Amino acid sequence: MQAVRDQNNIPVILGLLNTDGSTLTPICANPSNNGVCIDDDTTGSDNGGTQAGRDQSFVTSLMAVSSSDGVTPVTLYVDSSNNLLINSN
């Protein structure tokens, strides 16, 4: 998958598909309010995701740091509807 780009050649943000942990997937946003589409109280399965994915132009998927140690990289997952998976407890 190649990241979609705007008129200034800036790529959209990508996550990794939660079902396999490796397929690059764009994150959707609502065009009427510019809010990111999310699936709350959902977690991805552990697919060994400690490395960002890259498209053919080397655009990387999103990563964050672990909530348990603040250092370990964690990949962010997206579902098949392009919703970013979050768990807002």
C-alpha atoms as a PDB file:
ATOM      1  CA  MET A   1       0.000   0.000   0.000  1.00  0.00           C
ATOM      2  CA  GLN A   2       1.231   3.458  -0.880  1.00  0.00           C
ATOM      3  CA  ALA A   3       0.243   6.308   1.479  1.00  0.00           C
ATOM      4  CA  VAL A   4      -2.177   8.809  -0.052  1.00  0.00           C
ATOM      5  CA  ARG A   5      -0.673  12.300  -0.262  1.00  0.00           C
ATOM      6  CA  ASP A   6      -2.107  15.816  -0.312  1.00  0.00           C
ATOM      7  CA  GLN A   7      -1.305  18.548  -2.845  1.00  0.00           C
ATOM      8  CA  ASN A   8       1.865  19.381  -0.897  1.00  0.00           C
ATOM      9  CA  ASN A   9       3.031  15.748  -1.064  1.00  0.00           C
ATOM     10  CA  ILE A  10       2.378  15.181   2.677  1.00  0.00           C
ATOM     11  CA  PRO A  11       1.317  11.566   3.388  1.00  0.00           C
ATOM     12  CA  VAL A  12      -1.732  10.562   5.412  1.00  0.00           C
ATOM     13  CA  ILE A  13      -1.139   8.763   8.706  1.00  0.00           C
ATOM     14  CA  LEU A  14      -0.953   4.979   8.635  1.00  0.00           C
ATOM     15  CA  GLY A  15      -1.426   2.245  11.190  1.00  0.00           C
ATOM     16  CA  LEU A  16      -1.072  -1.509  10.954  1.00  0.00           C
ATOM     17  CA  LEU A  17      -4.113  -3.710  10.390  1.00  0.00           C
ATOM     18  CA  ASN A  18      -5.078  -5.344  13.685  1.00  0.00           C
ATOM     19  CA  THR A  19      -5.795  -8.753  12.152  1.00  0.00           C
ATOM     20  CA  ASP A  20      -2.259  -9.365  10.884  1.00  0.00           C
ATOM     21  CA  GLY A  21      -0.102  -6.615  12.418  1.00  0.00           C
ATOM     22  CA  SER A  22       1.679  -5.902   9.148  1.00  0.00           C
ATOM     23  CA  THR A  23      -0.709  -4.532   6.499  1.00  0.00           C
ATOM     24  CA  LEU A  24      -0.389  -0.753   6.244  1.00  0.00           C
ATOM     25  CA  THR A  25      -3.817   0.835   6.665  1.00  0.00           C
ATOM     26  CA  PRO A  26      -4.744   4.532   6.417  1.00  0.00           C
ATOM     27  CA  ILE A  27      -6.570   6.052   9.382  1.00  0.00           C
ATOM     28  CA  CYS A  28      -9.846   7.749   8.449  1.00  0.00           C
ATOM     29  CA  ALA A  29     -11.165  11.116   9.606  1.00  0.00           C
ATOM     30  CA  ASN A  30     -14.638  12.642   9.478  1.00  0.00           C
ATOM     31  CA  PRO A  31     -14.510  15.404   6.817  1.00  0.00           C
ATOM     32  CA  SER A  32     -17.284  17.440   8.482  1.00  0.00           C
ATOM     33  CA  ASN A  33     -15.450  17.897  11.804  1.00  0.00           C
ATOM     34  CA  ASN A  34     -11.886  16.680  11.025  1.00  0.00           C
ATOM     35  CA  GLY A  35     -12.046  14.147  13.871  1.00  0.00           C
ATOM     36  CA  VAL A  36     -10.117  10.886  13.672  1.00  0.00           C
ATOM     37  CA  CYS A  37     -12.286   7.761  13.341  1.00  0.00           C
ATOM     38  CA  ILE A  38     -11.736   5.487  16.345  1.00  0.00           C
ATOM     39  CA  ASP A  39     -12.923   2.209  17.793  1.00  0.00           C
ATOM     40  CA  ASP A  40     -12.902   2.776  21.560  1.00  0.00           C
ATOM     41  CA  ASP A  41     -12.368   0.115  24.254  1.00  0.00           C
ATOM     42  CA  THR A  42     -10.795  -2.121  21.633  1.00  0.00           C
ATOM     43  CA  THR A  43      -7.330  -3.596  21.577  1.00  0.00           C
ATOM     44  CA  GLY A  44      -5.374  -5.254  18.830  1.00  0.00           C
ATOM     45  CA  SER A  45      -3.997  -8.717  19.268  1.00  0.00           C
ATOM     46  CA  ASP A  46      -0.277  -8.967  19.908  1.00  0.00           C
ATOM     47  CA  ASN A  47       1.128  -9.660  16.468  1.00  0.00           C
ATOM     48  CA  GLY A  48       4.691  -8.999  17.583  1.00  0.00           C
ATOM     49  CA  GLY A  49       4.329  -5.371  16.555  1.00  0.00           C
ATOM     50  CA  THR A  50       7.442  -3.594  17.783  1.00  0.00           C
ATOM     51  CA  GLN A  51       8.457  -2.277  14.362  1.00  0.00           C
ATOM     52  CA  ALA A  52       6.723   0.310  12.227  1.00  0.00           C
ATOM     53  CA  GLY A  53       5.575  -0.710   8.771  1.00  0.00           C
ATOM     54  CA  ARG A  54       6.847   1.213   5.722  1.00  0.00           C
ATOM     55  CA  ASP A  55       5.289   1.798   2.315  1.00  0.00           C
ATOM     56  CA  GLN A  56       7.263   1.927  -0.951  1.00  0.00           C
ATOM     57  CA  SER A  57       8.184   5.581  -0.268  1.00  0.00           C
ATOM     58  CA  PHE A  58       9.348   4.740   3.275  1.00  0.00           C
ATOM     59  CA  VAL A  59       6.346   6.422   4.951  1.00  0.00           C
ATOM     60  CA  THR A  60       6.070   4.745   8.359  1.00  0.00           C
ATOM     61  CA  SER A  61       3.069   3.637  10.369  1.00  0.00           C
ATOM     62  CA  LEU A  62       2.310   5.224  13.742  1.00  0.00           C
ATOM     63  CA  MET A  63       4.048   4.092  16.892  1.00  0.00           C
ATOM     64  CA  ALA A  64       3.781   5.088  20.551  1.00  0.00           C
ATOM     65  CA  VAL A  65       5.659   4.251  23.733  1.00  0.00           C
ATOM     66  CA  SER A  66       4.481   1.551  26.111  1.00  0.00           C
ATOM     67  CA  SER A  67       2.238   2.661  28.979  1.00  0.00           C
ATOM     68  CA  SER A  68       4.025   0.180  31.238  1.00  0.00           C
ATOM     69  CA  ASP A  69       7.587   1.501  30.882  1.00  0.00           C
ATOM     70  CA  GLY A  70       7.391   4.679  28.770  1.00  0.00           C
ATOM     71  CA  VAL A  71      10.201   3.460  26.513  1.00  0.00           C
ATOM     72  CA  THR A  72       9.281   0.329  24.559  1.00  0.00           C
ATOM     73  CA  PRO A  73       7.917   1.092  21.045  1.00  0.00           C
ATOM     74  CA  VAL A  74       4.370  -0.141  20.405  1.00  0.00           C
ATOM     75  CA  THR A  75       2.726  -0.191  16.964  1.00  0.00           C
ATOM     76  CA  LEU A  76      -0.740   1.322  16.678  1.00  0.00           C
ATOM     77  CA  TYR A  77      -3.431  -0.829  15.090  1.00  0.00           C
ATOM     78  CA  VAL A  78      -6.268   0.098  12.749  1.00  0.00           C
ATOM     79  CA  ASP A  79      -9.338  -2.053  12.034  1.00  0.00           C
ATOM     80  CA  SER A  80     -10.682  -2.992   8.594  1.00  0.00           C
ATOM     81  CA  SER A  81     -12.964   0.089   8.677  1.00  0.00           C
ATOM     82  CA  ASN A  82      -9.878   2.349   9.014  1.00  0.00           C
ATOM     83  CA  ASN A  83     -10.663   3.176  12.665  1.00  0.00           C
ATOM     84  CA  LEU A  84      -7.721   3.744  14.990  1.00  0.00           C
ATOM     85  CA  LEU A  85      -8.012   1.299  17.906  1.00  0.00           C
ATOM     86  CA  ILE A  86      -7.917   3.004  21.291  1.00  0.00           C
ATOM     87  CA  ASN A  87      -8.661   1.968  24.841  1.00  0.00           C
ATOM     88  CA  SER A  88      -9.721   5.012  26.879  1.00  0.00           C
ATOM     89  CA  ASN A  89     -10.121   3.531  30.320  1.00  0.00           C
END
